[in-house]
């Protein structure tokens, strides 16, 4: 009798374990596609920083650092499934330029956004490329650092050289689905 109870308990346990594997409640990953991206978003954060350097006698010397922080966002961005977007509204940015050995220079500016263009996503690389019709909002390749059904975060890195000065910059834009 004890053996029968033990076998019954074993079969019951085995059935419960195999059922829990079949009833996997893990959500499907939210893939970066035009269809999943389509919708209206609001900007929730914008930030950036850059460092300008030059080479003096074989040594890299920092000329200045710059930080940009956005706030007071009133920008709507509509992503269409056909690969186009429109962005309208305004927000404020505070820019702080700190030349090496000098006091920071702080400026504020209200940016008015009225832009449209196209985009293309690369799901395997988790990137999105923007082609603006007027270069006034976003342009170029961005890494998608977070994408789910409510949040879309972008990051762009850039290195430019002009007259012996190399500027390395990073920009971050966080969007929230409305």
C-alpha atoms as a PDB file:
ATOM      1  CA  UNK A   1       0.000   0.000   0.000  1.00  0.00           C
ATOM      2  CA  UNK A   2       2.830   2.396   0.833  1.00  0.00           C
ATOM      3  CA  UNK A   3       4.447   1.545  -2.506  1.00  0.00           C
ATOM      4  CA  UNK A   4       1.213   2.399  -4.345  1.00  0.00           C
ATOM      5  CA  UNK A   5       1.020   5.790  -2.572  1.00  0.00           C
ATOM      6  CA  UNK A   6       4.670   6.452  -3.404  1.00  0.00           C
ATOM      7  CA  UNK A   7       4.140   5.625  -7.099  1.00  0.00           C
ATOM      8  CA  UNK A   8       0.990   7.779  -7.173  1.00  0.00           C
ATOM      9  CA  UNK A   9       2.897  10.699  -5.574  1.00  0.00           C
ATOM     10  CA  UNK A  10       5.736  10.263  -8.109  1.00  0.00           C
ATOM     11  CA  UNK A  11       3.322  10.282 -11.077  1.00  0.00           C
ATOM     12  CA  UNK A  12       1.489  13.324  -9.651  1.00  0.00           C
ATOM     13  CA  UNK A  13       4.779  15.201  -9.191  1.00  0.00           C
ATOM     14  CA  UNK A  14       5.931  14.310 -12.697  1.00  0.00           C
ATOM     15  CA  UNK A  15       2.630  15.516 -14.147  1.00  0.00           C
ATOM     16  CA  UNK A  16       2.856  18.804 -12.243  1.00  0.00           C
ATOM     17  CA  UNK A  17       6.429  19.446 -13.398  1.00  0.00           C
ATOM     18  CA  UNK A  18       5.656  18.710 -17.033  1.00  0.00           C
ATOM     19  CA  UNK A  19       2.536  20.921 -16.907  1.00  0.00           C
ATOM     20  CA  UNK A  20       4.490  23.853 -15.521  1.00  0.00           C
ATOM     21  CA  UNK A  21       6.890  23.619 -18.472  1.00  0.00           C
ATOM     22  CA  UNK A  22       3.968  23.651 -20.914  1.00  0.00           C
ATOM     23  CA  UNK A  23       2.312  26.598 -19.158  1.00  0.00           C
ATOM     24  CA  UNK A  24       5.244  28.956 -19.568  1.00  0.00           C
ATOM     25  CA  UNK A  25       3.888  32.434 -18.802  1.00  0.00           C
ATOM     26  CA  UNK A  26       7.033  34.324 -19.821  1.00  0.00           C
ATOM     27  CA  UNK A  27       6.046  37.179 -22.117  1.00  0.00           C
ATOM     28  CA  UNK A  28       7.247  37.087 -25.696  1.00  0.00           C
ATOM     29  CA  UNK A  29      10.118  39.491 -26.341  1.00  0.00           C
ATOM     30  CA  UNK A  30       9.035  42.826 -27.775  1.00  0.00           C
ATOM     31  CA  UNK A  31      10.942  42.941 -31.040  1.00  0.00           C
ATOM     32  CA  UNK A  32      12.065  46.149 -32.692  1.00  0.00           C
ATOM     33  CA  UNK A  33       9.927  46.273 -35.844  1.00  0.00           C
ATOM     34  CA  UNK A  34       8.041  49.005 -37.685  1.00  0.00           C
ATOM     35  CA  UNK A  35       4.754  47.441 -36.577  1.00  0.00           C
ATOM     36  CA  UNK A  36       5.761  47.385 -32.883  1.00  0.00           C
ATOM     37  CA  UNK A  37       7.238  50.886 -33.060  1.00  0.00           C
ATOM     38  CA  UNK A  38       4.216  52.483 -34.765  1.00  0.00           C
ATOM     39  CA  UNK A  39       2.416  54.908 -32.470  1.00  0.00           C
ATOM     40  CA  UNK A  40       2.659  58.257 -30.714  1.00  0.00           C
ATOM     41  CA  UNK A  41       5.458  59.006 -28.261  1.00  0.00           C
ATOM     42  CA  UNK A  42       6.419  61.907 -26.019  1.00  0.00           C
ATOM     43  CA  UNK A  43       9.998  62.837 -25.176  1.00  0.00           C
ATOM     44  CA  UNK A  44      10.705  62.123 -21.512  1.00  0.00           C
ATOM     45  CA  UNK A  45      14.449  62.946 -21.407  1.00  0.00           C
ATOM     46  CA  UNK A  46      17.209  64.382 -23.585  1.00  0.00           C
ATOM     47  CA  UNK A  47      20.840  64.574 -22.537  1.00  0.00           C
ATOM     48  CA  UNK A  48      24.238  64.696 -24.105  1.00  0.00           C
ATOM     49  CA  UNK A  49      27.872  65.301 -23.454  1.00  0.00           C
ATOM     50  CA  UNK A  50      30.972  65.903 -25.495  1.00  0.00           C
ATOM     51  CA  UNK A  51      34.678  66.300 -24.996  1.00  0.00           C
ATOM     52  CA  UNK A  52      36.907  68.260 -27.360  1.00  0.00           C
ATOM     53  CA  UNK A  53      40.587  67.352 -27.422  1.00  0.00           C
ATOM     54  CA  UNK A  54      43.704  68.173 -29.383  1.00  0.00           C
ATOM     55  CA  UNK A  55      47.188  66.729 -29.615  1.00  0.00           C
ATOM     56  CA  UNK A  56      50.018  68.821 -28.177  1.00  0.00           C
ATOM     57  CA  UNK A  57      53.527  67.373 -28.547  1.00  0.00           C
ATOM     58  CA  UNK A  58      52.155  63.824 -28.639  1.00  0.00           C
ATOM     59  CA  UNK A  59      49.867  64.290 -25.637  1.00  0.00           C
ATOM     60  CA  UNK A  60      46.073  64.452 -25.845  1.00  0.00           C
ATOM     61  CA  UNK A  61      44.836  67.615 -24.141  1.00  0.00           C
ATOM     62  CA  UNK A  62      41.187  68.323 -23.299  1.00  0.00           C
ATOM     63  CA  UNK A  63      40.108  71.721 -24.581  1.00  0.00           C
ATOM     64  CA  UNK A  64      36.535  71.739 -23.269  1.00  0.00           C
ATOM     65  CA  UNK A  65      33.674  69.563 -22.083  1.00  0.00           C
ATOM     66  CA  UNK A  66      30.034  70.205 -22.864  1.00  0.00           C
ATOM     67  CA  UNK A  67      26.856  68.860 -21.271  1.00  0.00           C
ATOM     68  CA  UNK A  68      23.326  69.309 -22.566  1.00  0.00           C
ATOM     69  CA  UNK A  69      20.217  68.559 -20.527  1.00  0.00           C
ATOM     70  CA  UNK A  70      16.670  68.940 -21.799  1.00  0.00           C
ATOM     71  CA  UNK A  71      13.496  69.621 -19.852  1.00  0.00           C
ATOM     72  CA  UNK A  72       9.959  70.992 -20.179  1.00  0.00           C
ATOM     73  CA  UNK A  73       9.137  68.552 -22.966  1.00  0.00           C
ATOM     74  CA  UNK A  74       6.096  69.223 -25.127  1.00  0.00           C
ATOM     75  CA  UNK A  75       7.102  67.171 -28.161  1.00  0.00           C
ATOM     76  CA  UNK A  76       5.004  64.484 -29.849  1.00  0.00           C
ATOM     77  CA  UNK A  77       6.584  62.038 -32.273  1.00  0.00           C
ATOM     78  CA  UNK A  78       4.411  59.840 -34.460  1.00  0.00           C
ATOM     79  CA  UNK A  79       6.058  56.751 -35.949  1.00  0.00           C
ATOM     80  CA  UNK A  80       4.127  55.277 -38.864  1.00  0.00           C
ATOM     81  CA  UNK A  81       4.389  51.613 -39.796  1.00  0.00           C
ATOM     82  CA  UNK A  82       5.433  52.592 -43.341  1.00  0.00           C
ATOM     83  CA  UNK A  83       8.791  53.928 -42.032  1.00  0.00           C
ATOM     84  CA  UNK A  84       7.958  57.638 -41.772  1.00  0.00           C
ATOM     85  CA  UNK A  85       7.743  59.911 -38.746  1.00  0.00           C
ATOM     86  CA  UNK A  86       6.654  63.415 -37.778  1.00  0.00           C
ATOM     87  CA  UNK A  87       7.779  65.342 -34.700  1.00  0.00           C
ATOM     88  CA  UNK A  88       6.232  68.584 -33.431  1.00  0.00           C
ATOM     89  CA  UNK A  89       6.448  70.652 -30.272  1.00  0.00           C
ATOM     90  CA  UNK A  90       9.111  72.295 -28.182  1.00  0.00           C
ATOM     91  CA  UNK A  91      11.434  71.769 -25.258  1.00  0.00           C
ATOM     92  CA  UNK A  92      14.181  73.597 -23.397  1.00  0.00           C
ATOM     93  CA  UNK A  93      17.848  72.676 -23.299  1.00  0.00           C
ATOM     94  CA  UNK A  94      20.482  73.901 -20.886  1.00  0.00           C
ATOM     95  CA  UNK A  95      23.998  73.759 -22.320  1.00  0.00           C
ATOM     96  CA  UNK A  96      27.081  74.002 -20.111  1.00  0.00           C
ATOM     97  CA  UNK A  97      30.431  74.471 -21.861  1.00  0.00           C
ATOM     98  CA  UNK A  98      33.454  74.201 -19.605  1.00  0.00           C
ATOM     99  CA  UNK A  99      36.703  75.262 -21.268  1.00  0.00           C
ATOM    100  CA  UNK A 100      39.700  73.704 -19.502  1.00  0.00           C
ATOM    101  CA  UNK A 101      40.887  75.988 -16.712  1.00  0.00           C
ATOM    102  CA  UNK A 102      37.974  78.431 -17.078  1.00  0.00           C
ATOM    103  CA  UNK A 103      34.553  78.992 -15.588  1.00  0.00           C
ATOM    104  CA  UNK A 104      31.585  77.183 -17.181  1.00  0.00           C
ATOM    105  CA  UNK A 105      29.456  79.008 -19.724  1.00  0.00           C
ATOM    106  CA  UNK A 106      25.752  78.180 -19.313  1.00  0.00           C
ATOM    107  CA  UNK A 107      23.079  78.953 -21.880  1.00  0.00           C
ATOM    108  CA  UNK A 108      19.399  78.102 -22.178  1.00  0.00           C
ATOM    109  CA  UNK A 109      17.415  77.712 -25.372  1.00  0.00           C
ATOM    110  CA  UNK A 110      13.876  76.768 -26.343  1.00  0.00           C
ATOM    111  CA  UNK A 111      13.984  74.378 -29.304  1.00  0.00           C
ATOM    112  CA  UNK A 112      10.971  74.305 -31.594  1.00  0.00           C
ATOM    113  CA  UNK A 113      10.536  70.975 -33.366  1.00  0.00           C
ATOM    114  CA  UNK A 114       8.637  70.706 -36.634  1.00  0.00           C
ATOM    115  CA  UNK A 115      10.268  67.827 -38.448  1.00  0.00           C
ATOM    116  CA  UNK A 116       9.438  64.840 -40.571  1.00  0.00           C
ATOM    117  CA  UNK A 117      11.350  62.154 -42.348  1.00  0.00           C
ATOM    118  CA  UNK A 118      11.884  58.445 -42.620  1.00  0.00           C
ATOM    119  CA  UNK A 119      13.386  55.766 -40.425  1.00  0.00           C
ATOM    120  CA  UNK A 120      14.576  52.214 -40.832  1.00  0.00           C
ATOM    121  CA  UNK A 121      15.042  49.699 -38.046  1.00  0.00           C
ATOM    122  CA  UNK A 122      17.615  46.938 -37.843  1.00  0.00           C
ATOM    123  CA  UNK A 123      16.220  44.390 -35.398  1.00  0.00           C
ATOM    124  CA  UNK A 124      19.317  42.213 -35.307  1.00  0.00           C
ATOM    125  CA  UNK A 125      21.651  45.134 -34.449  1.00  0.00           C
ATOM    126  CA  UNK A 126      19.045  46.967 -32.315  1.00  0.00           C
ATOM    127  CA  UNK A 127      19.566  50.207 -34.255  1.00  0.00           C
ATOM    128  CA  UNK A 128      17.408  52.761 -36.001  1.00  0.00           C
ATOM    129  CA  UNK A 129      18.479  55.177 -38.731  1.00  0.00           C
ATOM    130  CA  UNK A 130      16.701  58.506 -39.143  1.00  0.00           C
ATOM    131  CA  UNK A 131      16.680  60.508 -42.371  1.00  0.00           C
ATOM    132  CA  UNK A 132      15.233  63.920 -41.610  1.00  0.00           C
ATOM    133  CA  UNK A 133      13.673  65.983 -44.374  1.00  0.00           C
ATOM    134  CA  UNK A 134      15.088  69.143 -42.805  1.00  0.00           C
ATOM    135  CA  UNK A 135      17.909  68.080 -40.414  1.00  0.00           C
ATOM    136  CA  UNK A 136      16.198  69.908 -37.564  1.00  0.00           C
ATOM    137  CA  UNK A 137      15.501  67.084 -35.128  1.00  0.00           C
ATOM    138  CA  UNK A 138      17.274  63.741 -35.417  1.00  0.00           C
ATOM    139  CA  UNK A 139      19.577  62.426 -38.086  1.00  0.00           C
ATOM    140  CA  UNK A 140      21.718  59.342 -38.498  1.00  0.00           C
ATOM    141  CA  UNK A 141      22.241  56.027 -36.755  1.00  0.00           C
ATOM    142  CA  UNK A 142      21.097  55.478 -33.159  1.00  0.00           C
ATOM    143  CA  UNK A 143      21.522  52.465 -30.895  1.00  0.00           C
ATOM    144  CA  UNK A 144      18.249  51.351 -29.331  1.00  0.00           C
ATOM    145  CA  UNK A 145      19.181  50.881 -25.673  1.00  0.00           C
ATOM    146  CA  UNK A 146      15.671  49.964 -24.505  1.00  0.00           C
ATOM    147  CA  UNK A 147      12.550  49.052 -26.454  1.00  0.00           C
ATOM    148  CA  UNK A 148       9.322  47.672 -25.029  1.00  0.00           C
ATOM    149  CA  UNK A 149       5.627  48.421 -25.367  1.00  0.00           C
ATOM    150  CA  UNK A 150       5.914  51.681 -23.353  1.00  0.00           C
ATOM    151  CA  UNK A 151       9.522  52.900 -23.644  1.00  0.00           C
ATOM    152  CA  UNK A 152      11.896  53.633 -26.516  1.00  0.00           C
ATOM    153  CA  UNK A 153      15.401  54.855 -25.598  1.00  0.00           C
ATOM    154  CA  UNK A 154      18.004  55.927 -28.144  1.00  0.00           C
ATOM    155  CA  UNK A 155      21.723  56.667 -27.928  1.00  0.00           C
ATOM    156  CA  UNK A 156      24.011  58.119 -30.582  1.00  0.00           C
ATOM    157  CA  UNK A 157      27.794  58.334 -30.432  1.00  0.00           C
ATOM    158  CA  UNK A 158      29.822  60.497 -32.776  1.00  0.00           C
ATOM    159  CA  UNK A 159      33.465  61.442 -33.295  1.00  0.00           C
ATOM    160  CA  UNK A 160      34.372  64.398 -35.513  1.00  0.00           C
ATOM    161  CA  UNK A 161      37.694  66.041 -36.300  1.00  0.00           C
ATOM    162  CA  UNK A 162      37.986  69.637 -37.435  1.00  0.00           C
ATOM    163  CA  UNK A 163      41.313  71.427 -37.750  1.00  0.00           C
ATOM    164  CA  UNK A 164      43.147  69.201 -35.282  1.00  0.00           C
ATOM    165  CA  UNK A 165      40.340  69.240 -32.704  1.00  0.00           C
ATOM    166  CA  UNK A 166      38.593  65.926 -32.104  1.00  0.00           C
ATOM    167  CA  UNK A 167      35.153  66.005 -30.498  1.00  0.00           C
ATOM    168  CA  UNK A 168      33.680  62.830 -29.033  1.00  0.00           C
ATOM    169  CA  UNK A 169      29.989  63.088 -28.195  1.00  0.00           C
ATOM    170  CA  UNK A 170      27.091  61.028 -26.946  1.00  0.00           C
ATOM    171  CA  UNK A 171      23.397  61.926 -27.112  1.00  0.00           C
ATOM    172  CA  UNK A 172      20.501  60.173 -25.379  1.00  0.00           C
ATOM    173  CA  UNK A 173      16.799  60.517 -26.145  1.00  0.00           C
ATOM    174  CA  UNK A 174      14.154  58.723 -24.083  1.00  0.00           C
ATOM    175  CA  UNK A 175      10.619  58.388 -25.428  1.00  0.00           C
ATOM    176  CA  UNK A 176       7.429  57.183 -23.742  1.00  0.00           C
ATOM    177  CA  UNK A 177       4.459  55.805 -25.677  1.00  0.00           C
ATOM    178  CA  UNK A 178       1.298  57.823 -25.168  1.00  0.00           C
END
